[in-house]
C-alpha atoms as a PDB file:
ATOM      1  CA  MET A   1      10.724 103.808-113.832  1.00  0.00           C
ATOM      2  CA  LYS A   2      13.633 102.401-115.994  1.00  0.00           C
ATOM      3  CA  HIS A   3      11.631  98.693-117.478  1.00  0.00           C
ATOM      4  CA  LEU A   4       9.798 100.777-120.491  1.00  0.00           C
ATOM      5  CA  PRO A   5      11.873 101.475-123.370  1.00  0.00           C
ATOM      6  CA  SER A   6      10.733  98.840-125.688  1.00  0.00           C
ATOM      7  CA  TYR A   7       8.629  95.865-126.404  1.00  0.00           C
ATOM      8  CA  PHE A   8       9.623  92.854-125.556  1.00  0.00           C
ATOM      9  CA  LEU A   9       9.296  89.271-123.802  1.00  0.00           C
ATOM     10  CA  VAL A  10      12.378  88.250-121.620  1.00  0.00           C
ATOM     11  CA  LEU A  11      12.865  85.322-119.432  1.00  0.00           C
ATOM     12  CA  PHE A  12      16.283  86.508-117.855  1.00  0.00           C
ATOM     13  CA  PHE A  13      18.896  86.368-115.159  1.00  0.00           C
ATOM     14  CA  THR A  14      21.202  89.225-116.071  1.00  0.00           C
ATOM     15  CA  GLY A  15      22.969  90.203-119.708  1.00  0.00           C
ATOM     16  CA  ALA A  16      26.266  89.452-120.540  1.00  0.00           C
ATOM     17  CA  ALA A  17      28.958  91.343-121.993  1.00  0.00           C
ATOM     18  CA  LEU A  18      29.891  91.528-125.121  1.00  0.00           C
ATOM     19  CA  ALA A  19      32.010  88.843-126.258  1.00  0.00           C
ATOM     20  CA  ALA A  20      34.168  87.129-129.355  1.00  0.00           C
ATOM     21  CA  ASP A  21      31.776  84.067-129.031  1.00  0.00           C
ATOM     22  CA  MET A  22      28.463  85.337-129.428  1.00  0.00           C
ATOM     23  CA  ALA A  23      28.067  83.238-132.955  1.00  0.00           C
ATOM     24  CA  PRO A  24      25.653  85.828-134.466  1.00  0.00           C
ATOM     25  CA  SER A  25      23.266  84.438-137.233  1.00  0.00           C
ATOM     26  CA  PRO A  26      23.055  85.997-140.529  1.00  0.00           C
ATOM     27  CA  VAL A  27      20.856  89.364-140.402  1.00  0.00           C
ATOM     28  CA  THR A  28      17.737  89.233-142.349  1.00  0.00           C
ATOM     29  CA  ALA A  29      16.255  92.578-143.701  1.00  0.00           C
ATOM     30  CA  ARG A  30      13.091  93.627-145.074  1.00  0.00           C
ATOM     31  CA  ARG A  31      11.395  96.586-146.461  1.00  0.00           C
ATOM     32  CA  LEU A  32       8.782  98.017-144.518  1.00  0.00           C
ATOM     33  CA  PRO A  33       5.576  99.778-145.882  1.00  0.00           C
ATOM     34  CA  SER A  34       7.503 103.071-144.373  1.00  0.00           C
ATOM     35  CA  GLY A  35      10.471 102.942-146.513  1.00  0.00           C
ATOM     36  CA  ALA A  36      12.356 101.822-143.409  1.00  0.00           C
ATOM     37  CA  TYR A  37      13.780  98.698-143.009  1.00  0.00           C
ATOM     38  CA  GLU A  38      13.695  95.990-140.240  1.00  0.00           C
ATOM     39  CA  LEU A  39      16.639  94.064-139.677  1.00  0.00           C
ATOM     40  CA  THR A  40      16.584  90.653-137.552  1.00  0.00           C
ATOM     41  CA  LEU A  41      19.455  89.045-135.647  1.00  0.00           C
ATOM     42  CA  THR A  42      19.945  86.135-133.362  1.00  0.00           C
ATOM     43  CA  LEU A  43      23.335  85.978-131.184  1.00  0.00           C
ATOM     44  CA  GLN A  44      24.124  83.275-129.140  1.00  0.00           C
ATOM     45  CA  ASN A  45      25.885  83.265-125.611  1.00  0.00           C
ATOM     46  CA  THR A  46      24.646  86.731-124.506  1.00  0.00           C
ATOM     47  CA  THR A  47      21.473  88.827-123.623  1.00  0.00           C
ATOM     48  CA  ASP A  48      22.611  92.236-124.085  1.00  0.00           C
ATOM     49  CA  ILE A  49      20.557  94.425-126.362  1.00  0.00           C
ATOM     50  CA  LEU A  50      23.575  96.824-126.932  1.00  0.00           C
ATOM     51  CA  ALA A  51      25.792  94.436-128.131  1.00  0.00           C
ATOM     52  CA  ALA A  52      23.183  92.954-130.617  1.00  0.00           C
ATOM     53  CA  GLN A  53      22.470  96.590-131.934  1.00  0.00           C
ATOM     54  CA  ARG A  54      26.428  97.063-132.072  1.00  0.00           C
ATOM     55  CA  VAL A  55      26.624  94.027-134.397  1.00  0.00           C
ATOM     56  CA  LEU A  56      23.612  95.319-136.348  1.00  0.00           C
ATOM     57  CA  VAL A  57      25.345  98.351-137.535  1.00  0.00           C
ATOM     58  CA  PRO A  58      27.348  97.179-140.669  1.00  0.00           C
ATOM     59  CA  ALA A  59      24.003  95.527-141.770  1.00  0.00           C
ATOM     60  CA  ALA A  60      22.300  98.663-141.260  1.00  0.00           C
ATOM     61  CA  GLN A  61      25.353 100.526-143.423  1.00  0.00           C
ATOM     62  CA  LYS A  62      24.716  98.064-145.982  1.00  0.00           C
ATOM     63  CA  VAL A  63      21.207  98.322-146.225  1.00  0.00           C
ATOM     64  CA  CYS A  64      21.106 102.200-146.422  1.00  0.00           C
ATOM     65  CA  GLY A  65      23.714 102.087-149.227  1.00  0.00           C
ATOM     66  CA  GLY A  66      26.457 104.158-146.890  1.00  0.00           C
ATOM     67  CA  GLN A  67      24.051 106.882-145.836  1.00  0.00           C
ATOM     68  CA  MET A  68      23.680 107.847-142.689  1.00  0.00           C
ATOM     69  CA  PHE A  69      21.134 105.742-140.886  1.00  0.00           C
ATOM     70  CA  GLU A  70      18.830 105.875-137.386  1.00  0.00           C
ATOM     71  CA  PHE A  71      18.126 102.798-134.968  1.00  0.00           C
ATOM     72  CA  GLY A  72      14.086 103.113-134.639  1.00  0.00           C
ATOM     73  CA  HIS A  73      11.750 101.176-132.522  1.00  0.00           C
ATOM     74  CA  TYR A  74      12.572  97.424-131.599  1.00  0.00           C
ATOM     75  CA  SER A  75      11.358  94.303-130.391  1.00  0.00           C
ATOM     76  CA  PHE A  76      13.331  91.374-128.650  1.00  0.00           C
ATOM     77  CA  SER A  77      12.963  87.972-127.175  1.00  0.00           C
ATOM     78  CA  SER A  78      15.693  86.546-125.207  1.00  0.00           C
ATOM     79  CA  THR A  79      16.603  83.713-122.625  1.00  0.00           C
ATOM     80  CA  GLU A  80      19.846  83.136-120.198  1.00  0.00           C
ATOM     81  CA  GLN A  81      20.328  80.473-117.547  1.00  0.00           C
ATOM     82  CA  ASN A  82      21.377  80.852-114.240  1.00  0.00           C
ATOM     83  CA  PRO A  83      24.983  80.597-114.071  1.00  0.00           C
ATOM     84  CA  ILE A  84      24.875  79.487-110.314  1.00  0.00           C
ATOM     85  CA  SER A  85      22.575  77.028-110.655  1.00  0.00           C
ATOM     86  CA  SER A  86      23.701  73.409-111.184  1.00  0.00           C
ATOM     87  CA  VAL A  87      20.485  72.595-113.566  1.00  0.00           C
ATOM     88  CA  ALA A  88      21.062  72.818-117.213  1.00  0.00           C
ATOM     89  CA  SER A  89      19.046  75.353-119.083  1.00  0.00           C
ATOM     90  CA  ILE A  90      18.965  76.936-122.676  1.00  0.00           C
ATOM     91  CA  SER A  91      22.318  78.443-123.204  1.00  0.00           C
ATOM     92  CA  PRO A  92      21.782  82.675-123.603  1.00  0.00           C
ATOM     93  CA  ARG A  93      20.702  84.375-126.761  1.00  0.00           C
ATOM     94  CA  VAL A  94      18.956  86.721-127.751  1.00  0.00           C
ATOM     95  CA  THR A  95      16.594  87.656-130.883  1.00  0.00           C
ATOM     96  CA  ILE A  96      16.276  91.250-132.132  1.00  0.00           C
ATOM     97  CA  HIS A  97      14.128  93.227-134.613  1.00  0.00           C
ATOM     98  CA  GLN A  98      15.369  96.663-135.275  1.00  0.00           C
ATOM     99  CA  GLU A  99      13.656  99.516-137.223  1.00  0.00           C
ATOM    100  CA  VAL A 100      16.406 101.483-139.051  1.00  0.00           C
ATOM    101  CA  THR A 101      15.846 104.565-140.710  1.00  0.00           C
ATOM    102  CA  CYS A 102      17.969 105.259-143.959  1.00  0.00           C
ATOM    103  CA  GLY A 103      19.404 109.293-144.703  1.00  0.00           C
ATOM    104  CA  PRO A 104      19.804 112.092-142.368  1.00  0.00           C
ATOM    105  CA  VAL A 105      18.661 112.097-138.999  1.00  0.00           C
ATOM    106  CA  ALA A 106      15.390 114.058-138.200  1.00  0.00           C
ATOM    107  CA  PRO A 107      16.091 116.629-135.308  1.00  0.00           C
ATOM    108  CA  ALA A 108      14.039 115.332-132.254  1.00  0.00           C
ATOM    109  CA  SER A 109      10.539 116.578-131.969  1.00  0.00           C
ATOM    110  CA  ALA A 110       9.947 118.914-128.794  1.00  0.00           C
ATOM    111  CA  GLN A 111       7.307 117.040-127.438  1.00  0.00           C
ATOM    112  CA  HIS A 112       6.505 113.304-127.260  1.00  0.00           C
ATOM    113  CA  THR A 113       2.874 113.923-125.439  1.00  0.00           C
ATOM    114  CA  SER A 114      -0.158 111.541-125.619  1.00  0.00           C
ATOM    115  CA  TYR A 115      -3.286 112.362-124.147  1.00  0.00           C
ATOM    116  CA  ASP A 116      -4.362 113.960-120.696  1.00  0.00           C
ATOM    117  CA  TRP A 117      -4.930 111.492-118.519  1.00  0.00           C
ATOM    118  CA  SER A 118      -3.170 110.694-114.635  1.00  0.00           C
ATOM    119  CA  PRO A 119      -3.589 107.041-112.998  1.00  0.00           C
ATOM    120  CA  SER A 120      -5.471 106.880-109.895  1.00  0.00           C
ATOM    121  CA  ASP A 121      -5.582 103.940-106.871  1.00  0.00           C
ATOM    122  CA  ALA A 122      -8.654 102.277-109.103  1.00  0.00           C
ATOM    123  CA  ASP A 123      -6.175 101.893-112.053  1.00  0.00           C
ATOM    124  CA  ASP A 124      -3.455 100.371-110.063  1.00  0.00           C
ATOM    125  CA  LYS A 125      -6.065  98.590-108.585  1.00  0.00           C
ATOM    126  CA  LEU A 126      -6.940  97.226-112.282  1.00  0.00           C
ATOM    127  CA  VAL A 127      -3.783  96.679-113.395  1.00  0.00           C
ATOM    128  CA  ALA A 128      -3.261  94.400-110.277  1.00  0.00           C
ATOM    129  CA  ALA A 129      -6.038  92.493-111.100  1.00  0.00           C
ATOM    130  CA  ARG A 130      -5.392  92.082-114.588  1.00  0.00           C
ATOM    131  CA  THR A 131      -1.877  90.619-113.878  1.00  0.00           C
ATOM    132  CA  GLN A 132      -2.912  88.331-111.206  1.00  0.00           C
ATOM    133  CA  GLN A 133      -5.263  86.957-114.023  1.00  0.00           C
ATOM    134  CA  TYR A 134      -2.801  86.660-116.376  1.00  0.00           C
ATOM    135  CA  LEU A 135      -0.498  85.077-114.217  1.00  0.00           C
ATOM    136  CA  ALA A 136      -3.008  82.587-113.001  1.00  0.00           C
ATOM    137  CA  GLN A 137      -4.202  81.839-116.384  1.00  0.00           C
ATOM    138  CA  LYS A 138      -0.602  80.790-117.021  1.00  0.00           C
ATOM    139  CA  ASP A 139      -0.701  78.598-113.784  1.00  0.00           C
ATOM    140  CA  LYS A 140      -3.779  76.995-115.301  1.00  0.00           C
ATOM    141  CA  GLY A 141      -2.513  76.012-118.634  1.00  0.00           C
ATOM    142  CA  GLU A 142      -4.825  78.707-120.261  1.00  0.00           C
ATOM    143  CA  LEU A 143      -2.413  80.064-122.633  1.00  0.00           C
ATOM    144  CA  ALA A 144      -4.848  80.903-125.225  1.00  0.00           C
ATOM    145  CA  LEU A 145      -6.516  83.290-122.735  1.00  0.00           C
ATOM    146  CA  ALA A 146      -3.034  84.660-121.456  1.00  0.00           C
ATOM    147  CA  TYR A 147      -1.732  85.339-124.694  1.00  0.00           C
ATOM    148  CA  GLY A 148      -4.919  87.422-125.917  1.00  0.00           C
ATOM    149  CA  GLN A 149      -3.938  89.710-123.822  1.00  0.00           C
ATOM    150  CA  PHE A 150      -0.571  90.629-125.481  1.00  0.00           C
ATOM    151  CA  SER A 151      -0.291  93.896-127.689  1.00  0.00           C
ATOM    152  CA  ASP A 152      -0.248  93.364-132.013  1.00  0.00           C
ATOM    153  CA  THR A 153       4.037  94.148-131.252  1.00  0.00           C
ATOM    154  CA  MET A 154       4.410  91.930-128.557  1.00  0.00           C
ATOM    155  CA  LYS A 155       2.472  89.175-130.365  1.00  0.00           C
ATOM    156  CA  VAL A 156       5.559  89.559-133.125  1.00  0.00           C
ATOM    157  CA  ALA A 157       7.967  89.591-130.496  1.00  0.00           C
ATOM    158  CA  SER A 158       6.502  86.281-129.006  1.00  0.00           C
ATOM    159  CA  ARG A 159       5.157  83.679-131.168  1.00  0.00           C
ATOM    160  CA  PHE A 160       2.809  81.776-129.655  1.00  0.00           C
ATOM    161  CA  ASP A 161       4.215  78.381-130.360  1.00  0.00           C
ATOM    162  CA  ILE A 162       7.751  79.534-128.359  1.00  0.00           C
ATOM    163  CA  TRP A 163       6.055  81.285-125.686  1.00  0.00           C
ATOM    164  CA  SER A 164       3.922  78.598-124.917  1.00  0.00           C
ATOM    165  CA  LYS A 165       6.420  76.051-124.652  1.00  0.00           C
ATOM    166  CA  GLY A 166       8.079  78.006-122.366  1.00  0.00           C
ATOM    167  CA  VAL A 167       5.524  78.081-120.143  1.00  0.00           C
ATOM    168  CA  GLU A 168       4.586  74.780-120.345  1.00  0.00           C
ATOM    169  CA  ASP A 169       7.874  73.794-119.363  1.00  0.00           C
ATOM    170  CA  PHE A 170       7.999  76.217-116.352  1.00  0.00           C
ATOM    171  CA  ASN A 171       4.532  74.680-114.946  1.00  0.00           C
ATOM    172  CA  ALA A 172       6.003  71.248-115.099  1.00  0.00           C
ATOM    173  CA  LYS A 173       8.964  72.249-113.628  1.00  0.00           C
ATOM    174  CA  ALA A 174       7.682  74.385-110.997  1.00  0.00           C
ATOM    175  CA  GLY A 175       4.747  72.131-109.335  1.00  0.00           C
ATOM    176  CA  GLY A 176       1.795  73.221-107.659  1.00  0.00           C
ATOM    177  CA  MET A 177       1.440  77.112-107.126  1.00  0.00           C
ATOM    178  CA  ASN A 178       1.488  78.056-103.432  1.00  0.00           C
ATOM    179  CA  PHE A 179       1.043  81.891-104.136  1.00  0.00           C
ATOM    180  CA  ARG A 180       1.827  84.844-106.101  1.00  0.00           C
ATOM    181  CA  LYS A 181       1.869  88.466-104.554  1.00  0.00           C
ATOM    182  CA  ILE A 182       1.830  91.684-106.324  1.00  0.00           C
ATOM    183  CA  ARG A 183       4.529  93.822-105.163  1.00  0.00           C
ATOM    184  CA  LYS A 184       4.095  97.450-106.480  1.00  0.00           C
ATOM    185  CA  VAL A 185       2.734  99.219-109.370  1.00  0.00           C
ATOM    186  CA  SER A 186       4.553 102.091-111.491  1.00  0.00           C
ATOM    187  CA  TRP A 187       3.061 104.036-114.040  1.00  0.00           C
ATOM    188  CA  VAL A 188       5.343 106.322-116.578  1.00  0.00           C
ATOM    189  CA  LYS A 189       3.914 108.858-119.848  1.00  0.00           C
ATOM    190  CA  ASP A 190       5.447 108.697-123.122  1.00  0.00           C
ATOM    191  CA  PRO A 191       8.753 107.047-122.471  1.00  0.00           C
ATOM    192  CA  PRO A 192      11.065 107.304-125.799  1.00  0.00           C
ATOM    193  CA  GLY A 193      11.382 104.946-128.664  1.00  0.00           C
ATOM    194  CA  VAL A 194       7.770 103.618-127.691  1.00  0.00           C
ATOM    195  CA  ASP A 195       4.312 104.833-129.442  1.00  0.00           C
ATOM    196  CA  PRO A 196       2.911 107.729-126.731  1.00  0.00           C
ATOM    197  CA  GLY A 197       0.783 106.769-124.144  1.00  0.00           C
ATOM    198  CA  PHE A 198       0.905 105.241-120.339  1.00  0.00           C
ATOM    199  CA  TYR A 199       2.441 102.013-119.144  1.00  0.00           C
ATOM    200  CA  ALA A 200       2.452 100.521-116.102  1.00  0.00           C
ATOM    201  CA  ALA A 201       4.866  97.829-114.615  1.00  0.00           C
ATOM    202  CA  VAL A 202       3.177  95.722-111.930  1.00  0.00           C
ATOM    203  CA  ASP A 203       5.970  93.758-109.758  1.00  0.00           C
ATOM    204  CA  TYR A 204       4.942  90.560-108.642  1.00  0.00           C
ATOM    205  CA  SER A 205       6.881  87.984-106.521  1.00  0.00           C
ATOM    206  CA  GLY A 206       5.769  83.811-106.045  1.00  0.00           C
ATOM    207  CA  GLN A 207       6.401  80.462-105.039  1.00  0.00           C
ATOM    208  CA  PHE A 208       5.895  76.940-106.032  1.00  0.00           C
ATOM    209  CA  LYS A 209       6.052  73.769-104.795  1.00  0.00           C
ATOM    210  CA  ASN A 210       9.659  72.956-106.601  1.00  0.00           C
ATOM    211  CA  ILE A 211      10.330  77.056-106.852  1.00  0.00           C
ATOM    212  CA  PRO A 212      10.618  78.629-103.449  1.00  0.00           C
ATOM    213  CA  TYR A 213      11.698  81.962-104.950  1.00  0.00           C
ATOM    214  CA  GLU A 214      10.176  83.696-108.487  1.00  0.00           C
ATOM    215  CA  CYS A 215      10.175  87.288-109.012  1.00  0.00           C
ATOM    216  CA  GLY A 216       8.678  89.625-112.222  1.00  0.00           C
ATOM    217  CA  TYR A 217       6.958  92.051-113.708  1.00  0.00           C
ATOM    218  CA  VAL A 218       4.070  92.315-116.695  1.00  0.00           C
ATOM    219  CA  ALA A 219       3.826  95.696-118.398  1.00  0.00           C
ATOM    220  CA  TRP A 220       1.143  97.044-119.918  1.00  0.00           C
ATOM    221  CA  TYR A 221       0.017  99.555-122.476  1.00  0.00           C
ATOM    222  CA  ARG A 222      -3.019 101.940-121.724  1.00  0.00           C
ATOM    223  CA  ASP A 223      -4.421 103.427-125.126  1.00  0.00           C
ATOM    224  CA  ALA A 224      -6.298 106.328-125.020  1.00  0.00           C
ATOM    225  CA  SER A 225      -9.755 104.270-125.047  1.00  0.00           C
ATOM    226  CA  GLY A 226      -8.408 103.013-121.816  1.00  0.00           C
ATOM    227  CA  GLN A 227      -7.590  99.399-123.362  1.00  0.00           C
ATOM    228  CA  LEU A 228      -5.020  97.924-121.713  1.00  0.00           C
ATOM    229  CA  ALA A 229      -2.474  95.129-123.416  1.00  0.00           C
ATOM    230  CA  ILE A 230       0.469  93.468-122.226  1.00  0.00           C
ATOM    231  CA  VAL A 231       3.715  95.060-124.174  1.00  0.00           C
ATOM    232  CA  ARG A 232       6.540  93.492-122.024  1.00  0.00           C
ATOM    233  CA  GLU A 233       7.027  90.471-119.005  1.00  0.00           C
ATOM    234  CA  GLU A 234      10.643  89.307-117.184  1.00  0.00           C
ATOM    235  CA  GLU A 235      10.485  86.918-114.996  1.00  0.00           C
ATOM    236  CA  GLY A 236      13.416  85.254-112.966  1.00  0.00           C
ATOM    237  CA  TYR A 237      13.817  82.126-110.778  1.00  0.00           C
ATOM    238  CA  ILE A 238      15.586  79.595-108.605  1.00  0.00           C
ATOM    239  CA  ASP A 239      14.490  76.085-108.045  1.00  0.00           C
ATOM    240  CA  ARG A 240      15.087  74.317-105.295  1.00  0.00           C
ATOM    241  CA  LYS A 241      18.383  72.140-106.256  1.00  0.00           C
ATOM    242  CA  SER A 242      19.865  75.181-107.448  1.00  0.00           C
ATOM    243  CA  GLN A 243      19.249  76.764-103.629  1.00  0.00           C
ATOM    244  CA  ALA A 244      20.237  73.694-102.176  1.00  0.00           C
ATOM    245  CA  ALA A 245      23.671  74.080-104.395  1.00  0.00           C
ATOM    246  CA  MET A 246      24.005  78.019-102.934  1.00  0.00           C
ATOM    247  CA  THR A 247      26.176  79.561-100.217  1.00  0.00           C
ATOM    248  CA  SER A 248      24.122  82.435 -98.367  1.00  0.00           C
ATOM    249  CA  GLY A 249      25.985  85.239-100.416  1.00  0.00           C
ATOM    250  CA  GLU A 250      25.119  83.610-103.748  1.00  0.00           C
ATOM    251  CA  LEU A 251      21.282  83.013-102.831  1.00  0.00           C
ATOM    252  CA  ARG A 252      21.349  87.153-101.997  1.00  0.00           C
ATOM    253  CA  GLU A 253      23.310  87.271-104.890  1.00  0.00           C
ATOM    254  CA  THR A 254      20.799  85.572-107.389  1.00  0.00           C
ATOM    255  CA  LEU A 255      18.095  87.080-105.361  1.00  0.00           C
ATOM    256  CA  ALA A 256      19.003  90.678-106.651  1.00  0.00           C
ATOM    257  CA  LYS A 257      19.816  90.027-109.960  1.00  0.00           C
ATOM    258  CA  ILE A 258      15.902  88.611-110.531  1.00  0.00           C
ATOM    259  CA  ARG A 259      14.649  91.851-108.414  1.00  0.00           C
ATOM    260  CA  CYS A 260      13.793  89.437-105.428  1.00  0.00           C
ATOM    261  CA  VAL A 261      15.525  91.637-103.132  1.00  0.00           C
ATOM    262  CA  ASP A 262      12.700  90.752-100.152  1.00  0.00           C
ATOM    263  CA  GLY A 263      12.855  87.803-100.723  1.00  0.00           C
END
């Protein structure tokens, strides 16, 4: 499953390639208690995380005094407008918080493993139900309850005021909810670059009065005690005005981009 090598909140259609007009903000750096650094950067006109990391390389070299360095954990938030839609929206941008460790790169450990456990059908049903609950809380405007299901790292990456404003804007645009459907639950153990443990991605689709197509997923982290917390979500949608302006081919292409391949 390719969704889960990092923590984040993403509202997306597709990532843009590295371009000369990305307009980077100044890079800020802070020293972490571990001795590593956290670099923060915002790029305009792209949602490409690899592009953001490439832009951070000179800053990493600077904070490390020219030593070797290693990029570690990161979190990010990003937005991107629908390139086909005629509806005005926020221009694409990405903000990344990147951990940097200075000095020789340590050899990779032989194992990156957590506790022994295997998900069952009951666990699939549990994360599916928790996802339905979370989406319902967003739909009903119970945003403090929904946000309370985020992991601490997710809360750092997605401030409540910014996140809640995005949800409120979507709800106002979407109109009443017709349905939401859980499409798939996928589990992965100990993906590289994040805390050891089990992660579940719950894919869903939905339809609203003004939005005929919405698809996305919510990713959950399950710790050794069995507690679940949201570590990532992605969603994409097509509103009726945008759909009316598309050819059938453009509609199929955009549905694929938002992982709504089954409509």
